[in-house]
C-alpha atoms as a PDB file:
ATOM      1  CA  PHE A   1     -13.773   5.735 -27.936  1.00  0.00           C
ATOM      2  CA  ILE A   2     -10.581   3.727 -27.448  1.00  0.00           C
ATOM      3  CA  ASP A   3      -8.638   5.944 -29.854  1.00  0.00           C
ATOM      4  CA  SER A   4      -9.142   8.925 -27.545  1.00  0.00           C
ATOM      5  CA  VAL A   5      -7.480   7.183 -24.561  1.00  0.00           C
ATOM      6  CA  ASN A   6      -3.835   8.086 -23.958  1.00  0.00           C
ATOM      7  CA  ALA A   7      -1.403   5.263 -23.256  1.00  0.00           C
ATOM      8  CA  VAL A   8       0.146   5.230 -19.799  1.00  0.00           C
ATOM      9  CA  SER A   9       3.911   5.282 -19.951  1.00  0.00           C
ATOM     10  CA  HIS A  10       5.836   2.776 -17.869  1.00  0.00           C
ATOM     11  CA  VAL A  11       2.809   0.604 -17.114  1.00  0.00           C
ATOM     12  CA  PHE A  12       5.088  -2.280 -16.141  1.00  0.00           C
ATOM     13  CA  ILE A  13       6.592  -0.264 -13.269  1.00  0.00           C
ATOM     14  CA  TYR A  14       3.157   0.478 -11.815  1.00  0.00           C
ATOM     15  CA  TRP A  15       2.131  -3.165 -12.190  1.00  0.00           C
ATOM     16  CA  ALA A  16       5.356  -4.333 -10.505  1.00  0.00           C
ATOM     17  CA  PHE A  17       4.709  -2.107  -7.488  1.00  0.00           C
ATOM     18  CA  PHE A  18       1.199  -3.516  -7.112  1.00  0.00           C
ATOM     19  CA  VAL A  19       2.580  -7.077  -7.265  1.00  0.00           C
ATOM     20  CA  ILE A  20       5.339  -6.324  -4.735  1.00  0.00           C
ATOM     21  CA  ASN A  21       2.848  -4.667  -2.394  1.00  0.00           C
ATOM     22  CA  THR A  22       0.547  -7.679  -2.554  1.00  0.00           C
ATOM     23  CA  SER A  23       3.358 -10.139  -1.909  1.00  0.00           C
ATOM     24  CA  LEU A  24       4.650  -8.140   1.066  1.00  0.00           C
ATOM     25  CA  THR A  25       1.273  -8.277   2.780  1.00  0.00           C
ATOM     26  CA  TYR A  26       1.462 -12.069   2.747  1.00  0.00           C
ATOM     27  CA  SER A  27       4.886 -12.017   4.391  1.00  0.00           C
ATOM     28  CA  TYR A  28       3.528  -9.950   7.309  1.00  0.00           C
ATOM     29  CA  ALA A  29       0.420 -12.087   7.740  1.00  0.00           C
ATOM     30  CA  LYS A  30       2.236 -14.701   9.803  1.00  0.00           C
ATOM     31  CA  HIS A  31       3.032 -12.170  12.538  1.00  0.00           C
ATOM     32  CA  SER A  32      -0.549 -11.000  12.911  1.00  0.00           C
ATOM     33  CA  THR A  33      -1.712 -14.628  12.901  1.00  0.00           C
ATOM     34  CA  LEU A  34       0.628 -15.453  15.784  1.00  0.00           C
ATOM     35  CA  LEU A  35      -0.581 -12.489  17.832  1.00  0.00           C
ATOM     36  CA  THR A  36      -4.198 -13.377  17.118  1.00  0.00           C
ATOM     37  CA  ALA A  37      -3.615 -16.993  18.139  1.00  0.00           C
ATOM     38  CA  ASN A  38      -2.104 -15.704  21.369  1.00  0.00           C
ATOM     39  CA  GLN A  39      -5.378 -13.799  21.973  1.00  0.00           C
ATOM     40  CA  GLN A  40      -3.700 -10.423  21.529  1.00  0.00           C
ATOM     41  CA  TYR A  41      -5.971  -9.288  18.725  1.00  0.00           C
ATOM     42  CA  SER A  42      -6.268  -5.781  20.154  1.00  0.00           C
ATOM     43  CA  VAL A  43      -2.525  -5.311  19.638  1.00  0.00           C
ATOM     44  CA  VAL A  44      -2.869  -6.347  16.002  1.00  0.00           C
ATOM     45  CA  ARG A  45      -5.759  -3.930  15.423  1.00  0.00           C
ATOM     46  CA  LYS A  46      -3.893  -1.016  17.044  1.00  0.00           C
ATOM     47  CA  ILE A  47      -0.780  -1.605  14.950  1.00  0.00           C
ATOM     48  CA  GLN A  48      -2.781  -2.018  11.736  1.00  0.00           C
ATOM     49  CA  GLY A  49      -4.949   1.024  12.410  1.00  0.00           C
ATOM     50  CA  GLY A  50      -2.085   3.313  13.361  1.00  0.00           C
ATOM     51  CA  GLY A  51      -0.007   2.194  10.417  1.00  0.00           C
ATOM     52  CA  LYS A  52      -2.869   2.662   7.967  1.00  0.00           C
ATOM     53  CA  ILE A  53      -3.596   6.183   9.222  1.00  0.00           C
ATOM     54  CA  LEU A  54       0.076   7.117   8.908  1.00  0.00           C
ATOM     55  CA  ILE A  55       0.385   5.693   5.390  1.00  0.00           C
ATOM     56  CA  ILE A  56      -2.809   7.364   4.129  1.00  0.00           C
ATOM     57  CA  ALA A  57      -1.747  10.742   5.548  1.00  0.00           C
ATOM     58  CA  LEU A  58       1.655  10.439   3.888  1.00  0.00           C
ATOM     59  CA  GLN A  59       0.087   9.386   0.585  1.00  0.00           C
ATOM     60  CA  ILE A  60      -2.282  12.368   0.602  1.00  0.00           C
ATOM     61  CA  LEU A  61       0.598  14.703   1.372  1.00  0.00           C
ATOM     62  CA  LEU A  62       2.683  13.263  -1.465  1.00  0.00           C
ATOM     63  CA  LEU A  63      -0.131  13.425  -4.004  1.00  0.00           C
ATOM     64  CA  VAL A  64      -0.987  17.010  -3.123  1.00  0.00           C
ATOM     65  CA  THR A  65       2.617  18.228  -3.180  1.00  0.00           C
ATOM     66  CA  THR A  66       4.212  16.176  -5.989  1.00  0.00           C
ATOM     67  CA  HIS A  67       1.295  14.876  -8.130  1.00  0.00           C
ATOM     68  CA  ASN A  68       3.362  11.706  -8.617  1.00  0.00           C
ATOM     69  CA  PHE A  69       1.457   8.412  -8.569  1.00  0.00           C
ATOM     70  CA  LEU A  70       4.685   6.393  -8.501  1.00  0.00           C
ATOM     71  CA  LEU A  71       5.648   7.951  -5.153  1.00  0.00           C
ATOM     72  CA  TYR A  72       2.145   7.167  -3.920  1.00  0.00           C
ATOM     73  CA  LEU A  73       2.692   3.503  -4.744  1.00  0.00           C
ATOM     74  CA  LEU A  74       6.150   3.502  -3.167  1.00  0.00           C
ATOM     75  CA  VAL A  75       4.723   4.721   0.145  1.00  0.00           C
ATOM     76  CA  GLU A  76       2.073   2.010   0.095  1.00  0.00           C
ATOM     77  CA  THR A  77       4.731  -0.636  -0.412  1.00  0.00           C
END
């Protein structure tokens, strides 16, 4: 079974993008925490929701047009 699996080229690049994406989310967490502490949670939800919709739409467009997973990861970062 394992012999039939093809190796993914440049696995380290994909892993690095996942690590960078995860670390960037922690750097933005302080801003949402400050807005939440100031009882402006609706502002945080609107920004997060709008940003997520925009990113997902762009990712779908990139995957459909280019079929490039690396570009998909770049948009998420």
